[in-house]
Amino acid sequence: MKVIVNVRLKEGVLDPQGKAVKHALASLGFSGVRDVRVAKQIVLELDGEDRDKIYA
């Protein structure tokens, strides 16, 4: 079973890495980008398929 966990900053918390990416996109000509938030994704491969046991 594959479990995907997305980790990101809460709304209202400054994201300097996202701001840098937004600036870089603007310099490359992507003018329609309103906001950028950078997050991390963790992908877990678990043994078994019984969701009740995995999430217990």
PDB file of N, CA and C in Angstrom:
ATOM      1  N   MET A   1       0.855  -1.176   0.000  1.00  0.00           N
ATOM      2  CA  MET A   1       0.000   0.000   0.000  1.00  0.00           C
ATOM      3  C   MET A   1       0.899   1.236   0.000  1.00  0.00           C
ATOM      4  N   LYS A   2       0.530   2.220  -0.761  1.00  0.00           N
ATOM      5  CA  LYS A   2       1.279   3.468  -0.832  1.00  0.00           C
ATOM      6  C   LYS A   2       0.521   4.548  -0.062  1.00  0.00           C
ATOM      7  N   VAL A   3       1.240   5.247   0.825  1.00  0.00           N
ATOM      8  CA  VAL A   3       0.675   6.364   1.576  1.00  0.00           C
ATOM      9  C   VAL A   3       1.488   7.598   1.229  1.00  0.00           C
ATOM     10  N   ILE A   4       0.801   8.680   0.880  1.00  0.00           N
ATOM     11  CA  ILE A   4       1.472   9.940   0.527  1.00  0.00           C
ATOM     12  C   ILE A   4       1.140  10.982   1.584  1.00  0.00           C
ATOM     13  N   VAL A   5       2.192  11.585   2.149  1.00  0.00           N
ATOM     14  CA  VAL A   5       2.040  12.609   3.178  1.00  0.00           C
ATOM     15  C   VAL A   5       2.611  13.915   2.628  1.00  0.00           C
ATOM     16  N   ASN A   6       1.790  14.969   2.579  1.00  0.00           N
ATOM     17  CA  ASN A   6       2.246  16.286   2.146  1.00  0.00           C
ATOM     18  C   ASN A   6       2.455  17.160   3.374  1.00  0.00           C
ATOM     19  N   VAL A   7       3.643  17.780   3.463  1.00  0.00           N
ATOM     20  CA  VAL A   7       3.996  18.630   4.595  1.00  0.00           C
ATOM     21  C   VAL A   7       4.226  20.041   4.063  1.00  0.00           C
ATOM     22  N   ARG A   8       3.469  20.996   4.604  1.00  0.00           N
ATOM     23  CA  ARG A   8       3.643  22.384   4.164  1.00  0.00           C
ATOM     24  C   ARG A   8       3.406  23.323   5.339  1.00  0.00           C
ATOM     25  N   LEU A   9       3.799  24.558   5.153  1.00  0.00           N
ATOM     26  CA  LEU A   9       3.612  25.565   6.187  1.00  0.00           C
ATOM     27  C   LEU A   9       2.138  25.956   6.282  1.00  0.00           C
ATOM     28  N   LYS A  10       1.720  26.364   7.466  1.00  0.00           N
ATOM     29  CA  LYS A  10       0.342  26.819   7.646  1.00  0.00           C
ATOM     30  C   LYS A  10       0.123  28.134   6.905  1.00  0.00           C
ATOM     31  N   GLU A  11      -1.140  28.408   6.584  1.00  0.00           N
ATOM     32  CA  GLU A  11      -1.490  29.693   5.978  1.00  0.00           C
ATOM     33  C   GLU A  11      -1.079  30.813   6.927  1.00  0.00           C
ATOM     34  N   GLY A  12      -0.554  31.872   6.389  1.00  0.00           N
ATOM     35  CA  GLY A  12      -0.146  33.011   7.211  1.00  0.00           C
ATOM     36  C   GLY A  12       1.314  32.966   7.617  1.00  0.00           C
ATOM     37  N   VAL A  13       1.962  31.806   7.499  1.00  0.00           N
ATOM     38  CA  VAL A  13       3.384  31.691   7.814  1.00  0.00           C
ATOM     39  C   VAL A  13       4.165  32.030   6.550  1.00  0.00           C
ATOM     40  N   LEU A  14       5.153  32.898   6.678  1.00  0.00           N
ATOM     41  CA  LEU A  14       5.944  33.300   5.518  1.00  0.00           C
ATOM     42  C   LEU A  14       6.682  32.109   4.925  1.00  0.00           C
ATOM     43  N   ASP A  15       6.749  32.065   3.607  1.00  0.00           N
ATOM     44  CA  ASP A  15       7.429  30.992   2.880  1.00  0.00           C
ATOM     45  C   ASP A  15       8.489  31.624   1.978  1.00  0.00           C
ATOM     46  N   PRO A  16       9.696  31.883   2.520  1.00  0.00           N
ATOM     47  CA  PRO A  16      10.723  32.549   1.718  1.00  0.00           C
ATOM     48  C   PRO A  16      11.151  31.746   0.489  1.00  0.00           C
ATOM     49  N   GLN A  17      11.129  30.424   0.589  1.00  0.00           N
ATOM     50  CA  GLN A  17      11.490  29.606  -0.570  1.00  0.00           C
ATOM     51  C   GLN A  17      10.428  29.752  -1.664  1.00  0.00           C
ATOM     52  N   GLY A  18       9.167  29.796  -1.285  1.00  0.00           N
ATOM     53  CA  GLY A  18       8.100  30.009  -2.251  1.00  0.00           C
ATOM     54  C   GLY A  18       8.200  31.371  -2.905  1.00  0.00           C
ATOM     55  N   LYS A  19       8.568  32.378  -2.107  1.00  0.00           N
ATOM     56  CA  LYS A  19       8.727  33.736  -2.650  1.00  0.00           C
ATOM     57  C   LYS A  19       9.857  33.776  -3.675  1.00  0.00           C
ATOM     58  N   ALA A  20      10.961  33.061  -3.394  1.00  0.00           N
ATOM     59  CA  ALA A  20      12.092  33.016  -4.327  1.00  0.00           C
ATOM     60  C   ALA A  20      11.694  32.327  -5.636  1.00  0.00           C
ATOM     61  N   VAL A  21      10.912  31.254  -5.527  1.00  0.00           N
ATOM     62  CA  VAL A  21      10.450  30.548  -6.727  1.00  0.00           C
ATOM     63  C   VAL A  21       9.520  31.446  -7.540  1.00  0.00           C
ATOM     64  N   LYS A  22       8.628  32.167  -6.861  1.00  0.00           N
ATOM     65  CA  LYS A  22       7.721  33.089  -7.562  1.00  0.00           C
ATOM     66  C   LYS A  22       8.507  34.160  -8.310  1.00  0.00           C
ATOM     67  N   HIS A  23       9.534  34.703  -7.662  1.00  0.00           N
ATOM     68  CA  HIS A  23      10.375  35.720  -8.297  1.00  0.00           C
ATOM     69  C   HIS A  23      11.097  35.140  -9.520  1.00  0.00           C
ATOM     70  N   ALA A  24      11.621  33.912  -9.383  1.00  0.00           N
ATOM     71  CA  ALA A  24      12.318  33.270 -10.500  1.00  0.00           C
ATOM     72  C   ALA A  24      11.355  33.024 -11.664  1.00  0.00           C
ATOM     73  N   LEU A  25      10.135  32.594 -11.367  1.00  0.00           N
ATOM     74  CA  LEU A  25       9.154  32.370 -12.427  1.00  0.00           C
ATOM     75  C   LEU A  25       8.817  33.669 -13.152  1.00  0.00           C
ATOM     76  N   ALA A  26       8.678  34.760 -12.376  1.00  0.00           N
ATOM     77  CA  ALA A  26       8.391  36.059 -12.992  1.00  0.00           C
ATOM     78  C   ALA A  26       9.530  36.486 -13.914  1.00  0.00           C
ATOM     79  N   SER A  27      10.770  36.231 -13.496  1.00  0.00           N
ATOM     80  CA  SER A  27      11.914  36.617 -14.332  1.00  0.00           C
ATOM     81  C   SER A  27      12.008  35.757 -15.592  1.00  0.00           C
ATOM     82  N   LEU A  28      11.371  34.580 -15.569  1.00  0.00           N
ATOM     83  CA  LEU A  28      11.348  33.720 -16.750  1.00  0.00           C
ATOM     84  C   LEU A  28      10.144  33.998 -17.649  1.00  0.00           C
ATOM     85  N   GLY A  29       9.308  34.974 -17.255  1.00  0.00           N
ATOM     86  CA  GLY A  29       8.196  35.368 -18.099  1.00  0.00           C
ATOM     87  C   GLY A  29       6.846  34.804 -17.698  1.00  0.00           C
ATOM     88  N   PHE A  30       6.776  34.101 -16.576  1.00  0.00           N
ATOM     89  CA  PHE A  30       5.497  33.574 -16.094  1.00  0.00           C
ATOM     90  C   PHE A  30       4.840  34.640 -15.225  1.00  0.00           C
ATOM     91  N   SER A  31       4.073  35.531 -15.848  1.00  0.00           N
ATOM     92  CA  SER A  31       3.536  36.691 -15.135  1.00  0.00           C
ATOM     93  C   SER A  31       2.214  36.406 -14.424  1.00  0.00           C
ATOM     94  N   GLY A  32       1.551  35.306 -14.710  1.00  0.00           N
ATOM     95  CA  GLY A  32       0.242  35.031 -14.139  1.00  0.00           C
ATOM     96  C   GLY A  32       0.270  34.277 -12.821  1.00  0.00           C
ATOM     97  N   VAL A  33       1.444  34.099 -12.221  1.00  0.00           N
ATOM     98  CA  VAL A  33       1.546  33.336 -10.975  1.00  0.00           C
ATOM     99  C   VAL A  33       1.207  34.262  -9.810  1.00  0.00           C
ATOM    100  N   ARG A  34       0.153  33.948  -9.072  1.00  0.00           N
ATOM    101  CA  ARG A  34      -0.294  34.780  -7.950  1.00  0.00           C
ATOM    102  C   ARG A  34       0.486  34.471  -6.673  1.00  0.00           C
ATOM    103  N   ASP A  35       0.714  33.174  -6.391  1.00  0.00           N
ATOM    104  CA  ASP A  35       1.412  32.794  -5.165  1.00  0.00           C
ATOM    105  C   ASP A  35       2.069  31.440  -5.369  1.00  0.00           C
ATOM    106  N   VAL A  36       3.154  31.205  -4.645  1.00  0.00           N
ATOM    107  CA  VAL A  36       3.855  29.920  -4.685  1.00  0.00           C
ATOM    108  C   VAL A  36       4.118  29.482  -3.255  1.00  0.00           C
ATOM    109  N   ARG A  37       3.779  28.247  -2.950  1.00  0.00           N
ATOM    110  CA  ARG A  37       4.068  27.657  -1.642  1.00  0.00           C
ATOM    111  C   ARG A  37       4.879  26.390  -1.898  1.00  0.00           C
ATOM    112  N   VAL A  38       6.003  26.252  -1.221  1.00  0.00           N
ATOM    113  CA  VAL A  38       6.854  25.083  -1.382  1.00  0.00           C
ATOM    114  C   VAL A  38       6.523  24.100  -0.262  1.00  0.00           C
ATOM    115  N   ALA A  39       6.375  22.831  -0.621  1.00  0.00           N
ATOM    116  CA  ALA A  39       6.039  21.787   0.350  1.00  0.00           C
ATOM    117  C   ALA A  39       6.948  20.579   0.113  1.00  0.00           C
ATOM    118  N   LYS A  40       6.886  19.632   1.033  1.00  0.00           N
ATOM    119  CA  LYS A  40       7.604  18.374   0.879  1.00  0.00           C
ATOM    120  C   LYS A  40       6.584  17.252   0.807  1.00  0.00           C
ATOM    121  N   GLN A  41       6.915  16.243   0.031  1.00  0.00           N
ATOM    122  CA  GLN A  41       6.038  15.090  -0.087  1.00  0.00           C
ATOM    123  C   GLN A  41       6.817  13.852   0.335  1.00  0.00           C
ATOM    124  N   ILE A  42       6.220  13.078   1.232  1.00  0.00           N
ATOM    125  CA  ILE A  42       6.826  11.841   1.713  1.00  0.00           C
ATOM    126  C   ILE A  42       5.947  10.700   1.223  1.00  0.00           C
ATOM    127  N   VAL A  43       6.562   9.745   0.530  1.00  0.00           N
ATOM    128  CA  VAL A  43       5.834   8.598   0.003  1.00  0.00           C
ATOM    129  C   VAL A  43       6.293   7.361   0.769  1.00  0.00           C
ATOM    130  N   LEU A  44       5.337   6.697   1.416  1.00  0.00           N
ATOM    131  CA  LEU A  44       5.634   5.498   2.196  1.00  0.00           C
ATOM    132  C   LEU A  44       5.070   4.279   1.478  1.00  0.00           C
ATOM    133  N   GLU A  45       5.869   3.238   1.359  1.00  0.00           N
ATOM    134  CA  GLU A  45       5.408   1.951   0.846  1.00  0.00           C
ATOM    135  C   GLU A  45       5.259   1.039   2.051  1.00  0.00           C
ATOM    136  N   LEU A  46       4.022   0.657   2.371  1.00  0.00           N
ATOM    137  CA  LEU A  46       3.737  -0.152   3.550  1.00  0.00           C
ATOM    138  C   LEU A  46       3.337  -1.562   3.162  1.00  0.00           C
ATOM    139  N   ASP A  47       3.674  -2.513   4.035  1.00  0.00           N
ATOM    140  CA  ASP A  47       3.245  -3.894   3.837  1.00  0.00           C
ATOM    141  C   ASP A  47       1.772  -4.020   4.198  1.00  0.00           C
ATOM    142  N   GLY A  48       1.059  -4.824   3.476  1.00  0.00           N
ATOM    143  CA  GLY A  48      -0.340  -5.086   3.796  1.00  0.00           C
ATOM    144  C   GLY A  48      -1.280  -4.106   3.118  1.00  0.00           C
ATOM    145  N   GLU A  49      -2.541  -4.480   3.187  1.00  0.00           N
ATOM    146  CA  GLU A  49      -3.573  -3.674   2.557  1.00  0.00           C
ATOM    147  C   GLU A  49      -4.698  -3.300   3.531  1.00  0.00           C
ATOM    148  N   ASP A  50      -4.611  -3.743   4.795  1.00  0.00           N
ATOM    149  CA  ASP A  50      -5.667  -3.493   5.760  1.00  0.00           C
ATOM    150  C   ASP A  50      -5.507  -2.100   6.353  1.00  0.00           C
ATOM    151  N   ARG A  51      -6.315  -1.148   5.892  1.00  0.00           N
ATOM    152  CA  ARG A  51      -6.206   0.234   6.333  1.00  0.00           C
ATOM    153  C   ARG A  51      -6.424   0.394   7.849  1.00  0.00           C
ATOM    154  N   ASP A  52      -7.307  -0.412   8.425  1.00  0.00           N
ATOM    155  CA  ASP A  52      -7.577  -0.300   9.857  1.00  0.00           C
ATOM    156  C   ASP A  52      -6.328  -0.611  10.680  1.00  0.00           C
ATOM    157  N   LYS A  53      -5.551  -1.593  10.277  1.00  0.00           N
ATOM    158  CA  LYS A  53      -4.323  -1.939  11.007  1.00  0.00           C
ATOM    159  C   LYS A  53      -3.233  -0.887  10.790  1.00  0.00           C
ATOM    160  N   ILE A  54      -3.144  -0.361   9.598  1.00  0.00           N
ATOM    161  CA  ILE A  54      -2.095   0.610   9.265  1.00  0.00           C
ATOM    162  C   ILE A  54      -2.323   1.918   9.991  1.00  0.00           C
ATOM    163  N   TYR A  55      -3.571   2.405  10.061  1.00  0.00           N
ATOM    164  CA  TYR A  55      -3.874   3.692  10.654  1.00  0.00           C
ATOM    165  C   TYR A  55      -4.141   3.623  12.156  1.00  0.00           C
ATOM    166  N   ALA A  56      -4.038   2.440  12.750  1.00  0.00           N
ATOM    167  CA  ALA A  56      -4.315   2.296  14.190  1.00  0.00           C
ATOM    168  C   ALA A  56      -3.198   2.873  15.041  1.00  0.00           C
TER     169      ALA A  56
END
